[in-house]
Each structure stands twice: as C-alpha cells, then as structure tokens.
Amino acid sequence: MAALVRPSDTPRIAPDPDDDVVIGTALAAKAEMIVTGDKPLLSISQYLGVRILSVSEMLQIVAAA
C-alpha cells in the first residue's frame, strides 16, 4: 500500500538539512519508523514518535514479532 503525501514542515532537526524532508515526509505519512543506512539520520534515533532505525535493527524487530 502506498500514499502520496507532502512533507510536514519541520524545524531543523537532522545534522544534514536534506534529511529534515525525510523526517517531515514520515510525519505526514504517520509512519511508525524510518529505516535507513544514513548515519547522520540514525544519530537522531526518534522524533515525535517516529523511530529511526538501521536495517539490522528493523530486522531484529521483525524477527522478534
């Protein structure tokens, strides 16, 4: 399933300002998590209920479910 969303406006959060759009898009989509290999984005770990996880962290969650 997919939905087209416009990123929510977010304050400067990420070390790389381009990553703020990723966070804003996740917020607009009401996503539970962002799965990424981007180390600066991973350094945030969570924002307004959206968890920011590495692929290995996400796979551990799925395997435990």
N, C-alpha and C. Protein backbone atom coordinates (compact mmCIF):
# COMPACT_ATOMS: atom_id res chain seq x y z
N MET A 1 0.85 -1.15 0.00
CA MET A 1 0.00 0.00 0.00
C MET A 1 0.91 1.23 0.00
N ALA A 2 0.48 2.24 -0.70
CA ALA A 2 1.25 3.48 -0.77
C ALA A 2 0.29 4.66 -0.73
N ALA A 3 0.82 5.77 -0.29
CA ALA A 3 0.04 7.01 -0.27
C ALA A 3 0.97 8.16 -0.62
N LEU A 4 0.47 9.09 -1.37
CA LEU A 4 1.23 10.28 -1.72
C LEU A 4 1.00 11.33 -0.64
N VAL A 5 2.08 11.82 -0.05
CA VAL A 5 1.98 12.84 0.99
C VAL A 5 2.95 13.98 0.70
N ARG A 6 2.64 15.12 1.25
CA ARG A 6 3.57 16.25 1.21
C ARG A 6 4.26 16.31 2.55
N PRO A 7 5.58 16.52 2.56
CA PRO A 7 6.30 16.58 3.84
C PRO A 7 5.72 17.66 4.74
N SER A 8 5.61 17.34 6.03
CA SER A 8 5.23 18.33 7.02
C SER A 8 6.39 19.28 7.23
N ASP A 9 6.09 20.52 7.54
CA ASP A 9 7.15 21.45 7.90
C ASP A 9 7.75 20.99 9.21
N THR A 10 9.07 20.93 9.24
CA THR A 10 9.76 20.54 10.46
C THR A 10 10.85 21.55 10.74
N PRO A 11 11.14 21.74 12.02
CA PRO A 11 12.27 22.61 12.34
C PRO A 11 13.57 21.91 11.93
N ARG A 12 14.66 22.60 12.02
CA ARG A 12 15.96 21.99 11.72
C ARG A 12 16.23 20.93 12.78
N ILE A 13 16.25 19.67 12.35
CA ILE A 13 16.40 18.54 13.28
C ILE A 13 17.68 17.77 12.99
N ALA A 14 17.83 17.37 11.75
CA ALA A 14 18.90 16.46 11.35
C ALA A 14 20.22 17.21 11.16
N PRO A 15 21.33 16.50 11.36
CA PRO A 15 22.63 17.11 11.08
C PRO A 15 22.74 17.55 9.62
N ASP A 16 22.13 16.80 8.71
CA ASP A 16 22.09 17.15 7.30
C ASP A 16 20.70 17.71 7.01
N PRO A 17 20.57 18.98 6.63
CA PRO A 17 19.25 19.58 6.42
C PRO A 17 18.39 18.85 5.39
N ASP A 18 19.01 18.15 4.45
CA ASP A 18 18.24 17.38 3.47
C ASP A 18 17.44 16.26 4.15
N ASP A 19 17.92 15.78 5.28
CA ASP A 19 17.23 14.70 5.99
C ASP A 19 15.96 15.19 6.69
N ASP A 20 15.85 16.48 6.91
CA ASP A 20 14.63 17.02 7.52
C ASP A 20 13.41 16.73 6.65
N VAL A 21 13.59 16.69 5.35
CA VAL A 21 12.49 16.36 4.43
C VAL A 21 12.06 14.92 4.63
N VAL A 22 13.01 14.03 4.87
CA VAL A 22 12.68 12.62 5.12
C VAL A 22 11.84 12.52 6.39
N ILE A 23 12.25 13.21 7.44
CA ILE A 23 11.50 13.20 8.69
C ILE A 23 10.12 13.81 8.49
N GLY A 24 10.05 14.93 7.78
CA GLY A 24 8.77 15.58 7.52
C GLY A 24 7.83 14.69 6.72
N THR A 25 8.37 13.94 5.79
CA THR A 25 7.55 13.01 5.00
C THR A 25 7.03 11.88 5.87
N ALA A 26 7.87 11.35 6.74
CA ALA A 26 7.43 10.28 7.65
C ALA A 26 6.33 10.79 8.58
N LEU A 27 6.47 12.01 9.08
CA LEU A 27 5.44 12.58 9.94
C LEU A 27 4.13 12.75 9.18
N ALA A 28 4.19 13.26 7.97
CA ALA A 28 2.99 13.47 7.16
C ALA A 28 2.30 12.14 6.86
N ALA A 29 3.08 11.10 6.67
CA ALA A 29 2.53 9.78 6.35
C ALA A 29 2.10 9.01 7.60
N LYS A 30 2.36 9.59 8.77
CA LYS A 30 2.06 8.93 10.05
C LYS A 30 2.80 7.59 10.14
N ALA A 31 4.05 7.61 9.68
CA ALA A 31 4.88 6.41 9.70
C ALA A 31 5.32 6.09 11.13
N GLU A 32 5.49 4.83 11.41
CA GLU A 32 6.00 4.41 12.71
C GLU A 32 7.51 4.48 12.76
N MET A 33 8.14 4.27 11.58
CA MET A 33 9.59 4.25 11.57
C MET A 33 10.14 4.64 10.20
N ILE A 34 11.39 5.07 10.24
CA ILE A 34 12.20 5.29 9.05
C ILE A 34 13.32 4.26 9.13
N VAL A 35 13.54 3.52 8.07
CA VAL A 35 14.63 2.55 8.02
C VAL A 35 15.65 3.09 7.04
N THR A 36 16.88 3.27 7.52
CA THR A 36 17.90 3.93 6.71
C THR A 36 19.30 3.44 7.05
N GLY A 37 20.20 3.67 6.14
CA GLY A 37 21.62 3.44 6.38
C GLY A 37 22.37 4.75 6.54
N ASP A 38 21.65 5.85 6.55
CA ASP A 38 22.24 7.19 6.64
C ASP A 38 22.65 7.47 8.09
N LYS A 39 23.95 7.48 8.36
CA LYS A 39 24.45 7.61 9.73
C LYS A 39 24.04 8.92 10.41
N PRO A 40 24.10 10.06 9.73
CA PRO A 40 23.64 11.28 10.40
C PRO A 40 22.16 11.21 10.79
N LEU A 41 21.33 10.62 9.94
CA LEU A 41 19.91 10.49 10.26
C LEU A 41 19.72 9.50 11.40
N LEU A 42 20.48 8.42 11.42
CA LEU A 42 20.39 7.44 12.50
C LEU A 42 20.77 8.04 13.85
N SER A 43 21.58 9.08 13.84
CA SER A 43 22.02 9.70 15.10
C SER A 43 20.86 10.33 15.87
N ILE A 44 19.74 10.58 15.19
CA ILE A 44 18.58 11.19 15.84
C ILE A 44 17.81 10.13 16.65
N SER A 45 17.69 8.94 16.12
CA SER A 45 17.04 7.75 16.70
C SER A 45 15.52 7.83 16.84
N GLN A 46 14.95 9.01 17.08
CA GLN A 46 13.50 9.14 17.24
C GLN A 46 13.12 10.61 17.17
N TYR A 47 11.98 10.89 16.53
CA TYR A 47 11.47 12.26 16.52
C TYR A 47 9.95 12.20 16.47
N LEU A 48 9.32 12.81 17.46
CA LEU A 48 7.85 12.87 17.55
C LEU A 48 7.18 11.52 17.30
N GLY A 49 7.75 10.48 17.90
CA GLY A 49 7.17 9.15 17.81
C GLY A 49 7.60 8.33 16.61
N VAL A 50 8.35 8.92 15.69
CA VAL A 50 8.86 8.17 14.54
C VAL A 50 10.25 7.66 14.90
N ARG A 51 10.37 6.34 14.95
CA ARG A 51 11.67 5.74 15.25
C ARG A 51 12.52 5.74 13.99
N ILE A 52 13.81 5.97 14.15
CA ILE A 52 14.74 5.98 13.02
C ILE A 52 15.72 4.84 13.27
N LEU A 53 15.61 3.82 12.43
CA LEU A 53 16.31 2.56 12.65
C LEU A 53 17.22 2.19 11.48
N SER A 54 18.25 1.42 11.80
CA SER A 54 19.06 0.80 10.76
C SER A 54 18.33 -0.43 10.24
N VAL A 55 18.77 -0.96 9.13
CA VAL A 55 18.15 -2.16 8.57
C VAL A 55 18.28 -3.31 9.57
N SER A 56 19.43 -3.47 10.18
CA SER A 56 19.61 -4.58 11.13
C SER A 56 18.70 -4.43 12.35
N GLU A 57 18.50 -3.21 12.84
CA GLU A 57 17.58 -3.00 13.97
C GLU A 57 16.15 -3.38 13.57
N MET A 58 15.74 -2.99 12.38
CA MET A 58 14.39 -3.30 11.91
C MET A 58 14.22 -4.80 11.74
N LEU A 59 15.23 -5.48 11.21
CA LEU A 59 15.14 -6.93 11.03
C LEU A 59 15.04 -7.65 12.37
N GLN A 60 15.70 -7.15 13.40
CA GLN A 60 15.59 -7.73 14.73
C GLN A 60 14.17 -7.58 15.27
N ILE A 61 13.56 -6.43 15.03
CA ILE A 61 12.18 -6.20 15.47
C ILE A 61 11.24 -7.17 14.76
N VAL A 62 11.41 -7.32 13.46
CA VAL A 62 10.54 -8.21 12.67
C VAL A 62 10.74 -9.66 13.13
N ALA A 63 11.97 -10.06 13.37
CA ALA A 63 12.24 -11.44 13.78
C ALA A 63 11.65 -11.73 15.15
N ALA A 64 11.58 -10.73 16.01
CA ALA A 64 11.03 -10.92 17.35
C ALA A 64 9.51 -10.95 17.37
N ALA A 65 8.89 -10.48 16.31
CA ALA A 65 7.42 -10.40 16.28
C ALA A 65 6.77 -11.72 15.92
